[in-house]
Amino acid sequence: MIINENIHPPLVKLLDFNKYLYNIKKKLKKNLKNNPIKIVRLSPQISEHDIDFKIKQVIKFLNKKYKVKLYVFFKGRSIIYKDQGEKVLMFFYNKLNNLCIIEKKPYMDFNKMFMIIKPK
């Protein structure tokens, strides 16, 4: 690594390349940790008041530039109503579409339906 080119002979510092790569990877990991994802849980039969409360929470998160992971949790036999879960997620997004964009469309994972939104 060159420290000063202007003098003759140039001033050079020898360094361990593996340590240099390690420090670069460490900085990248630190930058990834600075942008956590906030998680909001919903249910397929959620009431209008509860949706309004959750929307207020999500608006706070989006204003702070967090990504938000929304998920609908299906208990027991409610798993057969997957379309209700997708309706809830899309209704939620339609209320917030001026503040956010969909990063990942609704998808199923075991008994949960997820959707990730991020601020515009």
C-alpha atoms as a PDB file:
ATOM      1  CA  MET A   1       0.000   0.000   0.000  1.00  0.00           C
ATOM      2  CA  ILE A   2       1.487   3.352  -1.071  1.00  0.00           C
ATOM      3  CA  ILE A   3       1.494   5.953   1.701  1.00  0.00           C
ATOM      4  CA  ASN A   4       3.238   8.866  -0.038  1.00  0.00           C
ATOM      5  CA  GLU A   5       4.134   9.015  -3.744  1.00  0.00           C
ATOM      6  CA  ASN A   6       5.577  12.518  -3.701  1.00  0.00           C
ATOM      7  CA  ILE A   7       8.871  11.673  -2.013  1.00  0.00           C
ATOM      8  CA  HIS A   8      11.735   9.821  -3.616  1.00  0.00           C
ATOM      9  CA  PRO A   9      11.772   6.808  -3.066  1.00  0.00           C
ATOM     10  CA  PRO A  10       8.023   6.454  -2.472  1.00  0.00           C
ATOM     11  CA  LEU A  11       6.938   5.495   1.040  1.00  0.00           C
ATOM     12  CA  VAL A  12       5.274   2.079   1.020  1.00  0.00           C
ATOM     13  CA  LYS A  13       3.720   0.021   3.789  1.00  0.00           C
ATOM     14  CA  LEU A  14       3.637  -3.768   3.554  1.00  0.00           C
ATOM     15  CA  LEU A  15       0.430  -5.356   4.774  1.00  0.00           C
ATOM     16  CA  ASP A  16      -1.162  -8.737   5.059  1.00  0.00           C
ATOM     17  CA  PHE A  17      -3.600  -9.056   2.148  1.00  0.00           C
ATOM     18  CA  ASN A  18      -5.842 -11.546   3.974  1.00  0.00           C
ATOM     19  CA  LYS A  19      -6.204  -9.106   6.868  1.00  0.00           C
ATOM     20  CA  TYR A  20      -7.071  -6.361   4.372  1.00  0.00           C
ATOM     21  CA  LEU A  21      -9.806  -8.541   2.787  1.00  0.00           C
ATOM     22  CA  TYR A  22     -11.086  -9.470   6.250  1.00  0.00           C
ATOM     23  CA  ASN A  23     -11.478  -5.799   7.194  1.00  0.00           C
ATOM     24  CA  ILE A  24     -13.369  -5.057   3.962  1.00  0.00           C
ATOM     25  CA  LYS A  25     -15.794  -7.957   4.606  1.00  0.00           C
ATOM     26  CA  LYS A  26     -16.234  -6.769   8.187  1.00  0.00           C
ATOM     27  CA  LYS A  27     -17.235  -3.280   6.998  1.00  0.00           C
ATOM     28  CA  LEU A  28     -19.741  -4.765   4.518  1.00  0.00           C
ATOM     29  CA  LYS A  29     -21.376  -6.875   7.255  1.00  0.00           C
ATOM     30  CA  LYS A  30     -21.607  -3.833   9.502  1.00  0.00           C
ATOM     31  CA  ASN A  31     -23.394  -1.877   6.756  1.00  0.00           C
ATOM     32  CA  LEU A  32     -25.908  -4.701   6.282  1.00  0.00           C
ATOM     33  CA  LYS A  33     -26.722  -4.720   9.995  1.00  0.00           C
ATOM     34  CA  ASN A  34     -27.549  -1.017   9.930  1.00  0.00           C
ATOM     35  CA  ASN A  35     -30.689  -1.643   7.869  1.00  0.00           C
ATOM     36  CA  PRO A  36     -32.760  -4.175   9.828  1.00  0.00           C
ATOM     37  CA  ILE A  37     -36.146  -5.460   8.777  1.00  0.00           C
ATOM     38  CA  LYS A  38     -39.156  -4.753  10.986  1.00  0.00           C
ATOM     39  CA  ILE A  39     -41.748  -7.520  11.246  1.00  0.00           C
ATOM     40  CA  VAL A  40     -45.525  -7.037  11.531  1.00  0.00           C
ATOM     41  CA  ARG A  41     -47.850  -9.981  12.166  1.00  0.00           C
ATOM     42  CA  LEU A  42     -51.376 -10.096  10.777  1.00  0.00           C
ATOM     43  CA  SER A  43     -54.143 -12.677  10.766  1.00  0.00           C
ATOM     44  CA  PRO A  44     -56.510 -13.691   7.956  1.00  0.00           C
ATOM     45  CA  GLN A  45     -59.604 -12.519   9.876  1.00  0.00           C
ATOM     46  CA  ILE A  46     -58.188  -9.181  11.092  1.00  0.00           C
ATOM     47  CA  SER A  47     -60.628  -6.401  11.994  1.00  0.00           C
ATOM     48  CA  GLU A  48     -60.654  -2.914  10.472  1.00  0.00           C
ATOM     49  CA  HIS A  49     -59.477  -1.248  13.703  1.00  0.00           C
ATOM     50  CA  ASP A  50     -56.515  -3.620  14.024  1.00  0.00           C
ATOM     51  CA  ILE A  51     -55.500  -2.914  10.424  1.00  0.00           C
ATOM     52  CA  ASP A  52     -55.563   0.834  11.112  1.00  0.00           C
ATOM     53  CA  PHE A  53     -53.360   0.351  14.185  1.00  0.00           C
ATOM     54  CA  LYS A  54     -50.862  -1.799  12.253  1.00  0.00           C
ATOM     55  CA  ILE A  55     -50.817   0.733   9.405  1.00  0.00           C
ATOM     56  CA  LYS A  56     -49.791   3.462  11.852  1.00  0.00           C
ATOM     57  CA  GLN A  57     -46.938   1.234  13.054  1.00  0.00           C
ATOM     58  CA  VAL A  58     -45.770   0.503   9.533  1.00  0.00           C
ATOM     59  CA  ILE A  59     -45.888   4.195   8.557  1.00  0.00           C
ATOM     60  CA  LYS A  60     -43.508   4.947  11.450  1.00  0.00           C
ATOM     61  CA  PHE A  61     -41.135   2.220  10.252  1.00  0.00           C
ATOM     62  CA  LEU A  62     -41.244   3.395   6.632  1.00  0.00           C
ATOM     63  CA  ASN A  63     -40.567   6.995   7.642  1.00  0.00           C
ATOM     64  CA  LYS A  64     -37.448   5.770   9.455  1.00  0.00           C
ATOM     65  CA  LYS A  65     -36.393   4.027   6.188  1.00  0.00           C
ATOM     66  CA  TYR A  66     -36.815   0.461   7.471  1.00  0.00           C
ATOM     67  CA  LYS A  67     -37.928  -2.424   5.321  1.00  0.00           C
ATOM     68  CA  VAL A  68     -41.060  -4.092   6.671  1.00  0.00           C
ATOM     69  CA  LYS A  69     -41.866  -7.782   6.497  1.00  0.00           C
ATOM     70  CA  LEU A  70     -45.604  -8.363   6.752  1.00  0.00           C
ATOM     71  CA  TYR A  71     -46.842 -11.862   7.437  1.00  0.00           C
ATOM     72  CA  VAL A  72     -50.188 -13.491   7.855  1.00  0.00           C
ATOM     73  CA  PHE A  73     -50.168 -16.390  10.304  1.00  0.00           C
ATOM     74  CA  PHE A  74     -52.605 -19.226   9.613  1.00  0.00           C
ATOM     75  CA  LYS A  75     -53.706 -21.238  12.659  1.00  0.00           C
ATOM     76  CA  GLY A  76     -55.046 -24.762  12.335  1.00  0.00           C
ATOM     77  CA  ARG A  77     -57.580 -25.168   9.549  1.00  0.00           C
ATOM     78  CA  SER A  78     -57.453 -21.521   8.496  1.00  0.00           C
ATOM     79  CA  ILE A  79     -54.656 -22.554   6.108  1.00  0.00           C
ATOM     80  CA  ILE A  80     -57.330 -23.484   3.556  1.00  0.00           C
ATOM     81  CA  TYR A  81     -58.182 -19.762   3.228  1.00  0.00           C
ATOM     82  CA  LYS A  82     -54.917 -18.658   1.650  1.00  0.00           C
ATOM     83  CA  ASP A  83     -56.805 -16.234  -0.590  1.00  0.00           C
ATOM     84  CA  GLN A  84     -57.969 -14.328   2.524  1.00  0.00           C
ATOM     85  CA  GLY A  85     -54.361 -13.921   3.621  1.00  0.00           C
ATOM     86  CA  GLU A  86     -53.360 -12.559   0.241  1.00  0.00           C
ATOM     87  CA  LYS A  87     -56.346 -10.171   0.288  1.00  0.00           C
ATOM     88  CA  VAL A  88     -55.246  -8.852   3.694  1.00  0.00           C
ATOM     89  CA  LEU A  89     -51.679  -8.260   2.488  1.00  0.00           C
ATOM     90  CA  MET A  90     -52.769  -6.536  -0.719  1.00  0.00           C
ATOM     91  CA  PHE A  91     -55.367  -4.428   1.147  1.00  0.00           C
ATOM     92  CA  PHE A  92     -52.586  -3.395   3.525  1.00  0.00           C
ATOM     93  CA  TYR A  93     -50.320  -2.464   0.607  1.00  0.00           C
ATOM     94  CA  ASN A  94     -53.079  -0.512  -1.176  1.00  0.00           C
ATOM     95  CA  LYS A  95     -53.511   1.657   1.928  1.00  0.00           C
ATOM     96  CA  LEU A  96     -49.740   2.375   1.920  1.00  0.00           C
ATOM     97  CA  ASN A  97     -48.921   2.452  -1.800  1.00  0.00           C
ATOM     98  CA  ASN A  98     -47.945   6.157  -1.758  1.00  0.00           C
ATOM     99  CA  LEU A  99     -45.246   5.448   0.894  1.00  0.00           C
ATOM    100  CA  CYS A 100     -43.800   2.113  -0.173  1.00  0.00           C
ATOM    101  CA  ILE A 101     -43.139  -0.338  -2.963  1.00  0.00           C
ATOM    102  CA  ILE A 102     -43.315  -4.121  -2.890  1.00  0.00           C
ATOM    103  CA  GLU A 103     -39.889  -5.712  -2.741  1.00  0.00           C
ATOM    104  CA  LYS A 104     -41.179  -9.274  -2.615  1.00  0.00           C
ATOM    105  CA  LYS A 105     -44.713 -10.255  -3.597  1.00  0.00           C
ATOM    106  CA  PRO A 106     -46.792 -12.462  -1.246  1.00  0.00           C
ATOM    107  CA  TYR A 107     -45.438 -15.990  -0.931  1.00  0.00           C
ATOM    108  CA  MET A 108     -46.232 -18.960   1.306  1.00  0.00           C
ATOM    109  CA  ASP A 109     -43.795 -20.595   3.687  1.00  0.00           C
ATOM    110  CA  PHE A 110     -45.349 -23.423   5.749  1.00  0.00           C
ATOM    111  CA  ASN A 111     -48.247 -21.809   7.656  1.00  0.00           C
ATOM    112  CA  LYS A 112     -47.272 -18.173   6.997  1.00  0.00           C
ATOM    113  CA  MET A 113     -47.729 -15.864   4.014  1.00  0.00           C
ATOM    114  CA  PHE A 114     -45.028 -13.204   3.715  1.00  0.00           C
ATOM    115  CA  MET A 115     -44.652  -9.928   1.828  1.00  0.00           C
ATOM    116  CA  ILE A 116     -41.741  -7.482   2.063  1.00  0.00           C
ATOM    117  CA  ILE A 117     -42.204  -3.756   1.426  1.00  0.00           C
ATOM    118  CA  LYS A 118     -39.613  -0.995   1.390  1.00  0.00           C
ATOM    119  CA  PRO A 119     -39.887   2.793   1.468  1.00  0.00           C
ATOM    120  CA  LYS A 120     -39.939   4.751  -1.785  1.00  0.00           C
END
